[in-house]
Amino acid sequence: MASFVAVIPTYVGITKLMPTIINEFVKKIHAPGISRDHYRQKIQMIWNFIGELKQNEDKQTI
């Protein structure tokens, strides 16, 4: 938690999302398996500082 608090002030007021910023907060993005549905793909995001957030599939953004 202390490292998260130390990183946040660096990004206050950003106007453009850059790959370096994403790399600071996202540890891993993974698409487990091949989707049979061409319009949806399940992904797993592992965040730095907090790990994976589980979310009900009904509430996920498409």
PDB file of N, CA and C in Angstrom:
ATOM      1  N   MET A   1       0.826  -1.198   0.000  1.00  0.00           N
ATOM      2  CA  MET A   1       0.000   0.000   0.000  1.00  0.00           C
ATOM      3  C   MET A   1       0.866   1.257   0.000  1.00  0.00           C
ATOM      4  N   ALA A   2       1.970   1.228   0.722  1.00  0.00           N
ATOM      5  CA  ALA A   2       2.844   2.392   0.789  1.00  0.00           C
ATOM      6  C   ALA A   2       3.421   2.733  -0.580  1.00  0.00           C
ATOM      7  N   SER A   3       3.757   1.700  -1.384  1.00  0.00           N
ATOM      8  CA  SER A   3       4.306   1.970  -2.714  1.00  0.00           C
ATOM      9  C   SER A   3       3.249   2.565  -3.641  1.00  0.00           C
ATOM     10  N   PHE A   4       1.995   2.155  -3.482  1.00  0.00           N
ATOM     11  CA  PHE A   4       0.894   2.722  -4.269  1.00  0.00           C
ATOM     12  C   PHE A   4       0.749   4.213  -3.959  1.00  0.00           C
ATOM     13  N   VAL A   5       0.755   4.544  -2.694  1.00  0.00           N
ATOM     14  CA  VAL A   5       0.631   5.939  -2.267  1.00  0.00           C
ATOM     15  C   VAL A   5       1.811   6.760  -2.783  1.00  0.00           C
ATOM     16  N   ALA A   6       2.974   6.167  -2.872  1.00  0.00           N
ATOM     17  CA  ALA A   6       4.158   6.872  -3.372  1.00  0.00           C
ATOM     18  C   ALA A   6       4.077   7.136  -4.879  1.00  0.00           C
ATOM     19  N   VAL A   7       3.410   6.264  -5.626  1.00  0.00           N
ATOM     20  CA  VAL A   7       3.325   6.384  -7.092  1.00  0.00           C
ATOM     21  C   VAL A   7       2.253   7.384  -7.530  1.00  0.00           C
ATOM     22  N   ILE A   8       1.152   7.450  -6.829  1.00  0.00           N
ATOM     23  CA  ILE A   8       0.005   8.274  -7.228  1.00  0.00           C
ATOM     24  C   ILE A   8       0.357   9.736  -7.519  1.00  0.00           C
ATOM     25  N   PRO A   9       1.124  10.439  -6.685  1.00  0.00           N
ATOM     26  CA  PRO A   9       1.406  11.855  -6.967  1.00  0.00           C
ATOM     27  C   PRO A   9       2.076  12.096  -8.327  1.00  0.00           C
ATOM     28  N   THR A  10       2.770  11.099  -8.827  1.00  0.00           N
ATOM     29  CA  THR A  10       3.431  11.208 -10.131  1.00  0.00           C
ATOM     30  C   THR A  10       2.422  11.415 -11.259  1.00  0.00           C
ATOM     31  N   TYR A  11       1.225  10.876 -11.098  1.00  0.00           N
ATOM     32  CA  TYR A  11       0.252  10.872 -12.185  1.00  0.00           C
ATOM     33  C   TYR A  11      -0.950  11.787 -11.965  1.00  0.00           C
ATOM     34  N   VAL A  12      -0.893  12.647 -11.010  1.00  0.00           N
ATOM     35  CA  VAL A  12      -1.974  13.614 -10.800  1.00  0.00           C
ATOM     36  C   VAL A  12      -1.956  14.614 -11.955  1.00  0.00           C
ATOM     37  N   GLY A  13      -3.075  14.790 -12.597  1.00  0.00           N
ATOM     38  CA  GLY A  13      -3.192  15.769 -13.672  1.00  0.00           C
ATOM     39  C   GLY A  13      -2.697  15.307 -15.026  1.00  0.00           C
ATOM     40  N   ILE A  14      -2.556  13.999 -15.248  1.00  0.00           N
ATOM     41  CA  ILE A  14      -2.100  13.542 -16.567  1.00  0.00           C
ATOM     42  C   ILE A  14      -3.165  13.872 -17.610  1.00  0.00           C
ATOM     43  N   THR A  15      -2.739  14.133 -18.827  1.00  0.00           N
ATOM     44  CA  THR A  15      -3.672  14.440 -19.913  1.00  0.00           C
ATOM     45  C   THR A  15      -3.661  13.377 -21.002  1.00  0.00           C
ATOM     46  N   LYS A  16      -2.686  12.467 -20.938  1.00  0.00           N
ATOM     47  CA  LYS A  16      -2.591  11.422 -21.951  1.00  0.00           C
ATOM     48  C   LYS A  16      -2.119  10.133 -21.282  1.00  0.00           C
ATOM     49  N   LEU A  17      -2.827   9.043 -21.543  1.00  0.00           N
ATOM     50  CA  LEU A  17      -2.463   7.753 -20.979  1.00  0.00           C
ATOM     51  C   LEU A  17      -1.371   7.134 -21.839  1.00  0.00           C
ATOM     52  N   MET A  18      -0.214   6.916 -21.242  1.00  0.00           N
ATOM     53  CA  MET A  18       0.950   6.388 -21.953  1.00  0.00           C
ATOM     54  C   MET A  18       1.232   4.957 -21.484  1.00  0.00           C
ATOM     55  N   PRO A  19       1.905   4.160 -22.303  1.00  0.00           N
ATOM     56  CA  PRO A  19       2.241   2.789 -21.907  1.00  0.00           C
ATOM     57  C   PRO A  19       3.015   2.713 -20.588  1.00  0.00           C
ATOM     58  N   THR A  20       3.856   3.667 -20.315  1.00  0.00           N
ATOM     59  CA  THR A  20       4.612   3.636 -19.058  1.00  0.00           C
ATOM     60  C   THR A  20       3.687   3.763 -17.849  1.00  0.00           C
ATOM     61  N   ILE A  21       2.623   4.536 -17.994  1.00  0.00           N
ATOM     62  CA  ILE A  21       1.663   4.690 -16.903  1.00  0.00           C
ATOM     63  C   ILE A  21       0.904   3.382 -16.689  1.00  0.00           C
ATOM     64  N   ILE A  22       0.465   2.773 -17.770  1.00  0.00           N
ATOM     65  CA  ILE A  22      -0.243   1.496 -17.677  1.00  0.00           C
ATOM     66  C   ILE A  22       0.662   0.443 -17.039  1.00  0.00           C
ATOM     67  N   ASN A  23       1.917   0.397 -17.452  1.00  0.00           N
ATOM     68  CA  ASN A  23       2.857  -0.577 -16.885  1.00  0.00           C
ATOM     69  C   ASN A  23       3.083  -0.364 -15.395  1.00  0.00           C
ATOM     70  N   GLU A  24       2.941   0.851 -14.937  1.00  0.00           N
ATOM     71  CA  GLU A  24       3.103   1.148 -13.519  1.00  0.00           C
ATOM     72  C   GLU A  24       1.979   0.530 -12.682  1.00  0.00           C
ATOM     73  N   PHE A  25       0.775   0.449 -13.247  1.00  0.00           N
ATOM     74  CA  PHE A  25      -0.392  -0.003 -12.495  1.00  0.00           C
ATOM     75  C   PHE A  25      -0.854  -1.416 -12.835  1.00  0.00           C
ATOM     76  N   VAL A  26      -0.603  -1.892 -14.061  1.00  0.00           N
ATOM     77  CA  VAL A  26      -1.072  -3.204 -14.490  1.00  0.00           C
ATOM     78  C   VAL A  26       0.107  -4.170 -14.539  1.00  0.00           C
ATOM     79  N   LYS A  27      -0.011  -5.254 -13.796  1.00  0.00           N
ATOM     80  CA  LYS A  27       1.053  -6.258 -13.768  1.00  0.00           C
ATOM     81  C   LYS A  27       0.936  -7.202 -14.960  1.00  0.00           C
ATOM     82  N   LYS A  28      -0.314  -7.617 -15.272  1.00  0.00           N
ATOM     83  CA  LYS A  28      -0.504  -8.620 -16.317  1.00  0.00           C
ATOM     84  C   LYS A  28      -1.919  -8.555 -16.867  1.00  0.00           C
ATOM     85  N   ILE A  29      -2.047  -8.713 -18.183  1.00  0.00           N
ATOM     86  CA  ILE A  29      -3.345  -8.882 -18.833  1.00  0.00           C
ATOM     87  C   ILE A  29      -3.273 -10.207 -19.572  1.00  0.00           C
ATOM     88  N   HIS A  30      -4.235 -11.068 -19.300  1.00  0.00           N
ATOM     89  CA  HIS A  30      -4.198 -12.425 -19.838  1.00  0.00           C
ATOM     90  C   HIS A  30      -5.573 -12.783 -20.389  1.00  0.00           C
ATOM     91  N   ALA A  31      -5.590 -13.386 -21.581  1.00  0.00           N
ATOM     92  CA  ALA A  31      -6.837 -13.881 -22.163  1.00  0.00           C
ATOM     93  C   ALA A  31      -6.802 -15.407 -22.095  1.00  0.00           C
ATOM     94  N   PRO A  32      -7.385 -15.993 -21.037  1.00  0.00           N
ATOM     95  CA  PRO A  32      -7.313 -17.445 -20.872  1.00  0.00           C
ATOM     96  C   PRO A  32      -8.221 -18.184 -21.852  1.00  0.00           C
ATOM     97  N   GLY A  33      -7.637 -18.861 -22.805  1.00  0.00           N
ATOM     98  CA  GLY A  33      -8.417 -19.636 -23.773  1.00  0.00           C
ATOM     99  C   GLY A  33      -8.891 -18.798 -24.946  1.00  0.00           C
ATOM    100  N   ILE A  34      -9.323 -19.490 -25.966  1.00  0.00           N
ATOM    101  CA  ILE A  34      -9.811 -18.836 -27.183  1.00  0.00           C
ATOM    102  C   ILE A  34     -11.325 -18.686 -27.080  1.00  0.00           C
ATOM    103  N   SER A  35     -11.819 -17.491 -27.409  1.00  0.00           N
ATOM    104  CA  SER A  35     -13.251 -17.236 -27.360  1.00  0.00           C
ATOM    105  C   SER A  35     -13.921 -17.804 -28.603  1.00  0.00           C
ATOM    106  N   ARG A  36     -15.032 -18.481 -28.426  1.00  0.00           N
ATOM    107  CA  ARG A  36     -15.812 -18.972 -29.566  1.00  0.00           C
ATOM    108  C   ARG A  36     -16.749 -17.888 -30.071  1.00  0.00           C
ATOM    109  N   ASP A  37     -17.006 -16.931 -29.224  1.00  0.00           N
ATOM    110  CA  ASP A  37     -17.867 -15.804 -29.578  1.00  0.00           C
ATOM    111  C   ASP A  37     -16.965 -14.693 -30.094  1.00  0.00           C
ATOM    112  N   HIS A  38     -17.165 -14.267 -31.312  1.00  0.00           N
ATOM    113  CA  HIS A  38     -16.290 -13.277 -31.931  1.00  0.00           C
ATOM    114  C   HIS A  38     -16.493 -11.873 -31.374  1.00  0.00           C
ATOM    115  N   TYR A  39     -17.497 -11.674 -30.565  1.00  0.00           N
ATOM    116  CA  TYR A  39     -17.799 -10.349 -30.064  1.00  0.00           C
ATOM    117  C   TYR A  39     -17.386 -10.140 -28.607  1.00  0.00           C
ATOM    118  N   ARG A  40     -17.079 -11.220 -27.903  1.00  0.00           N
ATOM    119  CA  ARG A  40     -16.681 -11.120 -26.498  1.00  0.00           C
ATOM    120  C   ARG A  40     -15.419 -11.925 -26.256  1.00  0.00           C
ATOM    121  N   GLN A  41     -14.581 -11.400 -25.403  1.00  0.00           N
ATOM    122  CA  GLN A  41     -13.392 -12.135 -24.981  1.00  0.00           C
ATOM    123  C   GLN A  41     -13.182 -11.899 -23.495  1.00  0.00           C
ATOM    124  N   LYS A  42     -13.099 -12.960 -22.743  1.00  0.00           N
ATOM    125  CA  LYS A  42     -12.826 -12.821 -21.319  1.00  0.00           C
ATOM    126  C   LYS A  42     -11.340 -12.546 -21.149  1.00  0.00           C
ATOM    127  N   ILE A  43     -11.028 -11.593 -20.299  1.00  0.00           N
ATOM    128  CA  ILE A  43      -9.637 -11.317 -19.977  1.00  0.00           C
ATOM    129  C   ILE A  43      -9.469 -11.301 -18.467  1.00  0.00           C
ATOM    130  N   GLN A  44      -8.264 -11.523 -18.056  1.00  0.00           N
ATOM    131  CA  GLN A  44      -7.913 -11.479 -16.645  1.00  0.00           C
ATOM    132  C   GLN A  44      -6.879 -10.374 -16.488  1.00  0.00           C
ATOM    133  N   MET A  45      -7.149  -9.415 -15.609  1.00  0.00           N
ATOM    134  CA  MET A  45      -6.202  -8.332 -15.349  1.00  0.00           C
ATOM    135  C   MET A  45      -5.671  -8.472 -13.935  1.00  0.00           C
ATOM    136  N   ILE A  46      -4.368  -8.465 -13.817  1.00  0.00           N
ATOM    137  CA  ILE A  46      -3.711  -8.503 -12.517  1.00  0.00           C
ATOM    138  C   ILE A  46      -3.078  -7.131 -12.315  1.00  0.00           C
ATOM    139  N   TRP A  47      -3.511  -6.449 -11.276  1.00  0.00           N
ATOM    140  CA  TRP A  47      -3.034  -5.099 -10.995  1.00  0.00           C
ATOM    141  C   TRP A  47      -1.850  -5.138 -10.041  1.00  0.00           C
ATOM    142  N   ASN A  48      -0.887  -4.255 -10.257  1.00  0.00           N
ATOM    143  CA  ASN A  48       0.166  -4.060  -9.270  1.00  0.00           C
ATOM    144  C   ASN A  48      -0.497  -3.495  -8.027  1.00  0.00           C
ATOM    145  N   PHE A  49       0.038  -3.730  -6.910  1.00  0.00           N
ATOM    146  CA  PHE A  49      -0.413  -3.213  -5.613  1.00  0.00           C
ATOM    147  C   PHE A  49      -1.646  -3.930  -5.055  1.00  0.00           C
ATOM    148  N   ILE A  50      -2.604  -4.394  -5.900  1.00  0.00           N
ATOM    149  CA  ILE A  50      -3.834  -4.988  -5.352  1.00  0.00           C
ATOM    150  C   ILE A  50      -4.139  -6.387  -5.870  1.00  0.00           C
ATOM    151  N   GLY A  51      -3.491  -6.852  -6.908  1.00  0.00           N
ATOM    152  CA  GLY A  51      -3.740  -8.189  -7.446  1.00  0.00           C
ATOM    153  C   GLY A  51      -4.945  -8.218  -8.369  1.00  0.00           C
ATOM    154  N   GLU A  52      -5.595  -9.373  -8.451  1.00  0.00           N
ATOM    155  CA  GLU A  52      -6.746  -9.544  -9.340  1.00  0.00           C
ATOM    156  C   GLU A  52      -8.027  -9.137  -8.634  1.00  0.00           C
ATOM    157  N   LEU A  53      -8.871  -8.415  -9.334  1.00  0.00           N
ATOM    158  CA  LEU A  53     -10.187  -8.059  -8.817  1.00  0.00           C
ATOM    159  C   LEU A  53     -11.211  -8.971  -9.472  1.00  0.00           C
ATOM    160  N   LYS A  54     -11.924  -9.721  -8.685  1.00  0.00           N
ATOM    161  CA  LYS A  54     -12.982 -10.593  -9.209  1.00  0.00           C
ATOM    162  C   LYS A  54     -14.251  -9.771  -9.350  1.00  0.00           C
ATOM    163  N   GLN A  55     -14.962  -9.940 -10.467  1.00  0.00           N
ATOM    164  CA  GLN A  55     -16.190  -9.205 -10.701  1.00  0.00           C
ATOM    165  C   GLN A  55     -17.241 -10.147 -11.266  1.00  0.00           C
ATOM    166  N   ASN A  56     -18.469  -9.967 -10.848  1.00  0.00           N
ATOM    167  CA  ASN A  56     -19.581 -10.742 -11.351  1.00  0.00           C
ATOM    168  C   ASN A  56     -19.705 -10.509 -12.852  1.00  0.00           C
ATOM    169  N   GLU A  57     -19.845 -11.580 -13.627  1.00  0.00           N
ATOM    170  CA  GLU A  57     -19.918 -11.458 -15.087  1.00  0.00           C
ATOM    171  C   GLU A  57     -21.082 -10.583 -15.548  1.00  0.00           C
ATOM    172  N   ASP A  58     -22.166 -10.536 -14.777  1.00  0.00           N
ATOM    173  CA  ASP A  58     -23.309  -9.708 -15.150  1.00  0.00           C
ATOM    174  C   ASP A  58     -22.997  -8.219 -15.072  1.00  0.00           C
ATOM    175  N   LYS A  59     -22.012  -7.841 -14.285  1.00  0.00           N
ATOM    176  CA  LYS A  59     -21.692  -6.436 -14.093  1.00  0.00           C
ATOM    177  C   LYS A  59     -20.474  -5.986 -14.880  1.00  0.00           C
ATOM    178  N   GLN A  60     -19.911  -6.863 -15.688  1.00  0.00           N
ATOM    179  CA  GLN A  60     -18.728  -6.502 -16.468  1.00  0.00           C
ATOM    180  C   GLN A  60     -19.112  -5.652 -17.665  1.00  0.00           C
ATOM    181  N   THR A  61     -18.219  -4.752 -18.015  1.00  0.00           N
ATOM    182  CA  THR A  61     -18.409  -3.898 -19.166  1.00  0.00           C
ATOM    183  C   THR A  61     -18.063  -4.666 -20.440  1.00  0.00           C
ATOM    184  N   ILE A  62     -18.885  -4.485 -21.432  1.00  0.00           N
ATOM    185  CA  ILE A  62     -18.650  -5.150 -22.721  1.00  0.00           C
ATOM    186  C   ILE A  62     -18.257  -4.095 -23.729  1.00  0.00           C
TER     187      ILE A  62
END
